[in-house]
Amino acid sequence: QVQLVESGGGLVQPGGSLRLSCAASGNIFNINSMGWYRQAPGKQRELVATITSRGSTNYADSVKGRFTISRDNTKNTMYIQMNNLKPEDTAVYSCAADSNSAYVIRGTADYWGQGTQVTVSS
């Protein structure tokens, strides 16, 4: 089993920045790919970004140029730096992990965190 715990959410004004963290623990040896998803009220969950153990990244068009995903394999932690935040970025952000990157991209990863709320509002 793998446990994922997110942190770093909060309230920020439009144009502001936040960095979210996702700490992994447990049987992490088979984890290759990790990713961030978000779900706004009344909307479907959507992919934000993914990253493999080798550092290959993938971003949703809506966040390209504003968000940067990274991971520190020595700390078993994934991050997402979110800059120039907009009200439409408001959502619960969750991290996901799996041995197969395709499952993370499809949203069918084996492991998920509980989520952290990000609210962008003036």
N, C-alpha and C. Protein backbone atom coordinates (compact mmCIF):
# COMPACT_ATOMS: atom_id res chain seq x y z
N GLN A 1 0.83 -1.20 0.00
CA GLN A 1 0.00 0.00 0.00
C GLN A 1 0.86 1.25 0.00
N VAL A 2 0.34 2.29 -0.59
CA VAL A 2 1.01 3.59 -0.65
C VAL A 2 0.08 4.63 -0.06
N GLN A 3 0.62 5.49 0.80
CA GLN A 3 -0.18 6.58 1.36
C GLN A 3 0.33 7.89 0.75
N LEU A 4 -0.61 8.75 0.39
CA LEU A 4 -0.30 10.05 -0.18
C LEU A 4 -0.97 11.13 0.66
N VAL A 5 -0.19 12.13 1.06
CA VAL A 5 -0.73 13.21 1.88
C VAL A 5 -0.36 14.55 1.25
N GLU A 6 -1.39 15.31 0.90
CA GLU A 6 -1.18 16.63 0.32
C GLU A 6 -1.12 17.70 1.40
N SER A 7 -0.43 18.79 1.07
CA SER A 7 -0.40 19.95 1.95
C SER A 7 -0.10 21.20 1.11
N GLY A 8 -0.35 22.36 1.70
CA GLY A 8 0.01 23.60 1.04
C GLY A 8 -1.14 24.39 0.46
N GLY A 9 -2.35 23.86 0.55
CA GLY A 9 -3.49 24.60 0.02
C GLY A 9 -3.83 25.81 0.88
N GLY A 10 -4.74 26.63 0.36
CA GLY A 10 -5.16 27.80 1.12
C GLY A 10 -5.87 28.81 0.25
N LEU A 11 -6.03 29.99 0.80
CA LEU A 11 -6.69 31.10 0.11
C LEU A 11 -5.63 32.05 -0.43
N VAL A 12 -5.75 32.40 -1.69
CA VAL A 12 -4.79 33.30 -2.31
C VAL A 12 -5.53 34.25 -3.25
N GLN A 13 -5.00 35.44 -3.40
CA GLN A 13 -5.63 36.41 -4.30
C GLN A 13 -5.27 36.10 -5.75
N PRO A 14 -6.10 36.53 -6.68
CA PRO A 14 -5.76 36.35 -8.10
C PRO A 14 -4.40 36.94 -8.41
N GLY A 15 -3.62 36.20 -9.20
CA GLY A 15 -2.27 36.61 -9.51
C GLY A 15 -1.24 36.11 -8.52
N GLY A 16 -1.69 35.54 -7.43
CA GLY A 16 -0.79 35.04 -6.41
C GLY A 16 -0.25 33.65 -6.72
N SER A 17 0.52 33.11 -5.78
CA SER A 17 1.18 31.81 -5.96
C SER A 17 0.98 30.91 -4.75
N LEU A 18 1.01 29.62 -5.01
CA LEU A 18 0.99 28.61 -3.96
C LEU A 18 1.86 27.44 -4.41
N ARG A 19 2.42 26.72 -3.46
CA ARG A 19 3.10 25.47 -3.77
C ARG A 19 2.47 24.35 -2.96
N LEU A 20 1.98 23.36 -3.67
CA LEU A 20 1.41 22.18 -3.03
C LEU A 20 2.45 21.07 -2.96
N SER A 21 2.35 20.27 -1.90
CA SER A 21 3.24 19.12 -1.74
C SER A 21 2.40 17.86 -1.61
N CYS A 22 2.98 16.75 -2.06
CA CYS A 22 2.35 15.44 -1.91
C CYS A 22 3.43 14.47 -1.42
N ALA A 23 3.31 14.07 -0.16
CA ALA A 23 4.30 13.18 0.43
C ALA A 23 3.81 11.74 0.33
N ALA A 24 4.68 10.87 -0.19
CA ALA A 24 4.33 9.46 -0.36
C ALA A 24 5.06 8.63 0.68
N SER A 25 4.36 7.62 1.19
CA SER A 25 4.97 6.70 2.14
C SER A 25 4.39 5.30 1.90
N GLY A 26 5.04 4.33 2.54
CA GLY A 26 4.59 2.95 2.36
C GLY A 26 5.42 2.24 1.32
N ASN A 27 4.77 1.38 0.56
CA ASN A 27 5.45 0.56 -0.44
C ASN A 27 5.59 1.34 -1.75
N ILE A 28 6.54 2.27 -1.75
CA ILE A 28 6.67 3.21 -2.86
C ILE A 28 7.62 2.74 -3.94
N PHE A 29 8.21 1.58 -3.77
CA PHE A 29 9.26 1.15 -4.70
C PHE A 29 8.76 0.96 -6.12
N ASN A 30 7.48 0.63 -6.27
CA ASN A 30 6.94 0.40 -7.61
C ASN A 30 6.31 1.64 -8.22
N ILE A 31 6.34 2.75 -7.48
CA ILE A 31 5.72 3.95 -8.00
C ILE A 31 6.60 4.58 -9.07
N ASN A 32 6.06 4.75 -10.26
CA ASN A 32 6.80 5.39 -11.34
C ASN A 32 6.25 6.77 -11.63
N SER A 33 4.95 6.85 -11.76
CA SER A 33 4.35 8.11 -12.17
C SER A 33 3.48 8.69 -11.06
N MET A 34 3.50 10.02 -10.96
CA MET A 34 2.64 10.73 -10.02
C MET A 34 2.00 11.90 -10.75
N GLY A 35 0.90 12.36 -10.18
CA GLY A 35 0.22 13.46 -10.85
C GLY A 35 -0.67 14.25 -9.92
N TRP A 36 -1.10 15.40 -10.39
CA TRP A 36 -2.05 16.24 -9.68
C TRP A 36 -3.35 16.31 -10.48
N TYR A 37 -4.43 16.20 -9.77
CA TYR A 37 -5.76 16.37 -10.32
C TYR A 37 -6.47 17.45 -9.51
N ARG A 38 -7.52 18.01 -10.07
CA ARG A 38 -8.33 18.97 -9.33
C ARG A 38 -9.79 18.78 -9.67
N GLN A 39 -10.63 19.13 -8.71
CA GLN A 39 -12.06 19.06 -8.92
C GLN A 39 -12.73 20.27 -8.28
N ALA A 40 -13.38 21.04 -9.12
CA ALA A 40 -14.13 22.22 -8.66
C ALA A 40 -15.57 21.81 -8.37
N PRO A 41 -16.26 22.55 -7.54
CA PRO A 41 -17.66 22.22 -7.23
C PRO A 41 -18.52 22.12 -8.48
N GLY A 42 -19.23 21.04 -8.61
CA GLY A 42 -20.12 20.85 -9.74
C GLY A 42 -19.44 20.47 -11.03
N LYS A 43 -18.14 20.22 -10.97
CA LYS A 43 -17.41 19.87 -12.19
C LYS A 43 -16.73 18.52 -12.03
N GLN A 44 -16.36 17.93 -13.16
CA GLN A 44 -15.65 16.67 -13.13
C GLN A 44 -14.19 16.89 -12.74
N ARG A 45 -13.62 15.84 -12.19
CA ARG A 45 -12.20 15.89 -11.86
C ARG A 45 -11.40 16.02 -13.15
N GLU A 46 -10.37 16.86 -13.13
CA GLU A 46 -9.56 17.04 -14.32
C GLU A 46 -8.07 16.92 -13.99
N LEU A 47 -7.33 16.45 -14.98
CA LEU A 47 -5.90 16.31 -14.86
C LEU A 47 -5.24 17.68 -14.88
N VAL A 48 -4.31 17.90 -13.98
CA VAL A 48 -3.55 19.15 -13.95
C VAL A 48 -2.16 18.91 -14.55
N ALA A 49 -1.43 17.95 -14.01
CA ALA A 49 -0.08 17.67 -14.48
C ALA A 49 0.36 16.30 -13.97
N THR A 50 1.30 15.70 -14.71
CA THR A 50 1.88 14.44 -14.28
C THR A 50 3.40 14.48 -14.43
N ILE A 51 4.07 13.60 -13.69
CA ILE A 51 5.52 13.52 -13.78
C ILE A 51 5.93 12.07 -13.52
N THR A 52 6.90 11.59 -14.31
CA THR A 52 7.39 10.24 -14.11
C THR A 52 8.65 10.28 -13.22
N SER A 53 9.12 9.09 -12.85
CA SER A 53 10.31 9.02 -12.01
C SER A 53 11.55 9.56 -12.72
N ARG A 54 11.51 9.59 -14.05
CA ARG A 54 12.63 10.13 -14.81
C ARG A 54 12.49 11.63 -15.06
N GLY A 55 11.36 12.19 -14.63
CA GLY A 55 11.19 13.62 -14.76
C GLY A 55 10.41 14.08 -15.98
N SER A 56 9.86 13.17 -16.74
CA SER A 56 9.03 13.58 -17.87
C SER A 56 7.71 14.15 -17.37
N THR A 57 7.33 15.28 -17.92
CA THR A 57 6.14 15.98 -17.43
C THR A 57 5.07 16.13 -18.51
N ASN A 58 3.87 16.37 -18.03
CA ASN A 58 2.71 16.54 -18.90
C ASN A 58 1.78 17.51 -18.19
N TYR A 59 1.26 18.51 -18.95
CA TYR A 59 0.41 19.53 -18.33
C TYR A 59 -0.90 19.70 -19.09
N ALA A 60 -1.93 20.06 -18.36
CA ALA A 60 -3.17 20.47 -19.00
C ALA A 60 -2.93 21.83 -19.66
N ASP A 61 -3.59 22.05 -20.77
CA ASP A 61 -3.41 23.32 -21.50
C ASP A 61 -3.74 24.53 -20.62
N SER A 62 -4.70 24.37 -19.73
CA SER A 62 -5.16 25.49 -18.92
C SER A 62 -4.12 25.96 -17.90
N VAL A 63 -3.10 25.14 -17.64
CA VAL A 63 -2.11 25.53 -16.63
C VAL A 63 -0.70 25.68 -17.20
N LYS A 64 -0.53 25.37 -18.47
CA LYS A 64 0.80 25.48 -19.09
C LYS A 64 1.32 26.91 -18.97
N GLY A 65 2.58 27.02 -18.57
CA GLY A 65 3.19 28.32 -18.43
C GLY A 65 2.96 28.97 -17.07
N ARG A 66 2.03 28.41 -16.28
CA ARG A 66 1.75 28.95 -14.96
C ARG A 66 2.10 27.98 -13.84
N PHE A 67 1.92 26.69 -14.08
CA PHE A 67 2.18 25.66 -13.07
C PHE A 67 3.42 24.88 -13.45
N THR A 68 4.17 24.46 -12.43
CA THR A 68 5.35 23.62 -12.66
C THR A 68 5.32 22.44 -11.69
N ILE A 69 5.34 21.24 -12.23
CA ILE A 69 5.35 20.04 -11.40
C ILE A 69 6.78 19.56 -11.24
N SER A 70 7.10 19.03 -10.06
CA SER A 70 8.44 18.51 -9.81
C SER A 70 8.34 17.43 -8.75
N ARG A 71 9.41 16.69 -8.58
CA ARG A 71 9.44 15.69 -7.53
C ARG A 71 10.85 15.53 -7.00
N ASP A 72 10.93 15.23 -5.71
CA ASP A 72 12.20 14.97 -5.05
C ASP A 72 12.16 13.51 -4.61
N ASN A 73 12.81 12.65 -5.38
CA ASN A 73 12.76 11.22 -5.09
C ASN A 73 13.45 10.87 -3.78
N THR A 74 14.37 11.71 -3.32
CA THR A 74 15.05 11.43 -2.05
C THR A 74 14.11 11.67 -0.86
N LYS A 75 13.12 12.53 -1.08
CA LYS A 75 12.15 12.84 -0.02
C LYS A 75 10.79 12.18 -0.29
N ASN A 76 10.70 11.45 -1.40
CA ASN A 76 9.43 10.81 -1.77
C ASN A 76 8.30 11.82 -1.82
N THR A 77 8.59 12.97 -2.36
CA THR A 77 7.61 14.06 -2.36
C THR A 77 7.50 14.68 -3.75
N MET A 78 6.27 14.96 -4.14
CA MET A 78 5.99 15.64 -5.39
C MET A 78 5.46 17.04 -5.06
N TYR A 79 5.74 17.98 -5.93
CA TYR A 79 5.31 19.36 -5.73
C TYR A 79 4.62 19.89 -6.98
N ILE A 80 3.85 20.93 -6.78
CA ILE A 80 3.38 21.71 -7.91
C ILE A 80 3.41 23.18 -7.51
N GLN A 81 4.19 23.94 -8.24
CA GLN A 81 4.28 25.37 -8.03
C GLN A 81 3.25 26.03 -8.94
N MET A 82 2.34 26.78 -8.33
CA MET A 82 1.26 27.40 -9.07
C MET A 82 1.41 28.92 -9.00
N ASN A 83 1.66 29.52 -10.15
CA ASN A 83 1.84 30.97 -10.24
C ASN A 83 0.71 31.60 -11.04
N ASN A 84 0.55 32.90 -10.88
CA ASN A 84 -0.48 33.64 -11.60
C ASN A 84 -1.83 32.95 -11.48
N LEU A 85 -2.20 32.63 -10.27
CA LEU A 85 -3.44 31.90 -10.05
C LEU A 85 -4.66 32.73 -10.43
N LYS A 86 -5.66 32.02 -10.94
CA LYS A 86 -6.90 32.64 -11.39
C LYS A 86 -8.07 32.06 -10.60
N PRO A 87 -9.17 32.79 -10.52
CA PRO A 87 -10.34 32.25 -9.80
C PRO A 87 -10.77 30.88 -10.31
N GLU A 88 -10.61 30.63 -11.58
CA GLU A 88 -11.00 29.34 -12.14
C GLU A 88 -10.07 28.20 -11.74
N ASP A 89 -8.98 28.51 -11.04
CA ASP A 89 -8.12 27.46 -10.50
C ASP A 89 -8.64 26.96 -9.16
N THR A 90 -9.66 27.59 -8.63
CA THR A 90 -10.23 27.17 -7.35
C THR A 90 -10.77 25.75 -7.46
N ALA A 91 -10.29 24.88 -6.57
CA ALA A 91 -10.68 23.46 -6.61
C ALA A 91 -10.02 22.73 -5.45
N VAL A 92 -10.44 21.49 -5.26
CA VAL A 92 -9.71 20.57 -4.38
C VAL A 92 -8.66 19.88 -5.24
N TYR A 93 -7.42 19.99 -4.84
CA TYR A 93 -6.31 19.39 -5.58
C TYR A 93 -5.89 18.10 -4.88
N SER A 94 -5.81 17.03 -5.68
CA SER A 94 -5.44 15.73 -5.15
C SER A 94 -4.25 15.17 -5.92
N CYS A 95 -3.42 14.42 -5.22
CA CYS A 95 -2.33 13.76 -5.92
C CYS A 95 -2.65 12.29 -6.13
N ALA A 96 -2.03 11.75 -7.16
CA ALA A 96 -2.25 10.36 -7.53
C ALA A 96 -0.91 9.71 -7.86
N ALA A 97 -0.83 8.40 -7.71
CA ALA A 97 0.41 7.69 -7.99
C ALA A 97 0.11 6.28 -8.47
N ASP A 98 0.99 5.78 -9.34
CA ASP A 98 0.83 4.42 -9.86
C ASP A 98 2.15 3.98 -10.49
N SER A 99 2.30 2.67 -10.66
CA SER A 99 3.49 2.16 -11.34
C SER A 99 3.41 2.41 -12.84
N ASN A 100 2.21 2.60 -13.35
CA ASN A 100 1.97 2.77 -14.77
C ASN A 100 1.53 4.21 -15.05
N SER A 101 2.32 4.93 -15.83
CA SER A 101 2.02 6.35 -16.08
C SER A 101 0.69 6.52 -16.82
N ALA A 102 0.31 5.54 -17.63
CA ALA A 102 -0.95 5.66 -18.36
C ALA A 102 -2.13 5.73 -17.40
N TYR A 103 -2.07 4.99 -16.32
CA TYR A 103 -3.17 5.00 -15.35
C TYR A 103 -3.28 6.35 -14.65
N VAL A 104 -2.15 6.98 -14.38
CA VAL A 104 -2.19 8.31 -13.76
C VAL A 104 -2.82 9.30 -14.74
N ILE A 105 -2.42 9.24 -16.00
CA ILE A 105 -2.96 10.15 -17.01
C ILE A 105 -4.46 9.92 -17.20
N ARG A 106 -4.89 8.68 -17.15
CA ARG A 106 -6.31 8.35 -17.36
C ARG A 106 -7.16 8.64 -16.14
N GLY A 107 -6.51 8.87 -15.00
CA GLY A 107 -7.27 9.09 -13.77
C GLY A 107 -7.69 7.82 -13.07
N THR A 108 -7.04 6.73 -13.40
CA THR A 108 -7.37 5.43 -12.79
C THR A 108 -6.21 4.89 -11.96
N ALA A 109 -5.43 5.79 -11.41
CA ALA A 109 -4.29 5.40 -10.59
C ALA A 109 -4.74 4.60 -9.37
N ASP A 110 -3.85 3.75 -8.88
CA ASP A 110 -4.17 2.93 -7.71
C ASP A 110 -4.25 3.75 -6.43
N TYR A 111 -3.44 4.79 -6.34
CA TYR A 111 -3.31 5.50 -5.07
C TYR A 111 -3.66 6.98 -5.21
N TRP A 112 -4.43 7.45 -4.22
CA TRP A 112 -4.90 8.85 -4.23
C TRP A 112 -4.78 9.44 -2.83
N GLY A 113 -4.50 10.73 -2.78
CA GLY A 113 -4.53 11.44 -1.53
C GLY A 113 -5.93 11.96 -1.24
N GLN A 114 -6.08 12.59 -0.07
CA GLN A 114 -7.39 13.08 0.35
C GLN A 114 -7.74 14.42 -0.28
N GLY A 115 -6.73 15.16 -0.70
CA GLY A 115 -6.97 16.44 -1.34
C GLY A 115 -6.72 17.63 -0.43
N THR A 116 -6.42 18.76 -1.06
CA THR A 116 -6.23 20.01 -0.32
C THR A 116 -6.93 21.12 -1.10
N GLN A 117 -7.61 21.99 -0.37
CA GLN A 117 -8.42 23.02 -1.01
C GLN A 117 -7.55 24.21 -1.41
N VAL A 118 -7.74 24.64 -2.63
CA VAL A 118 -7.12 25.88 -3.13
C VAL A 118 -8.25 26.82 -3.53
N THR A 119 -8.25 28.00 -2.95
CA THR A 119 -9.27 29.00 -3.26
C THR A 119 -8.59 30.27 -3.72
N VAL A 120 -8.96 30.71 -4.92
CA VAL A 120 -8.39 31.93 -5.50
C VAL A 120 -9.49 32.97 -5.54
N SER A 121 -9.36 33.97 -4.69
CA SER A 121 -10.41 34.96 -4.57
C SER A 121 -9.87 36.25 -3.97
N SER A 122 -10.45 37.36 -4.39
CA SER A 122 -10.05 38.64 -3.81
C SER A 122 -10.97 39.00 -2.65
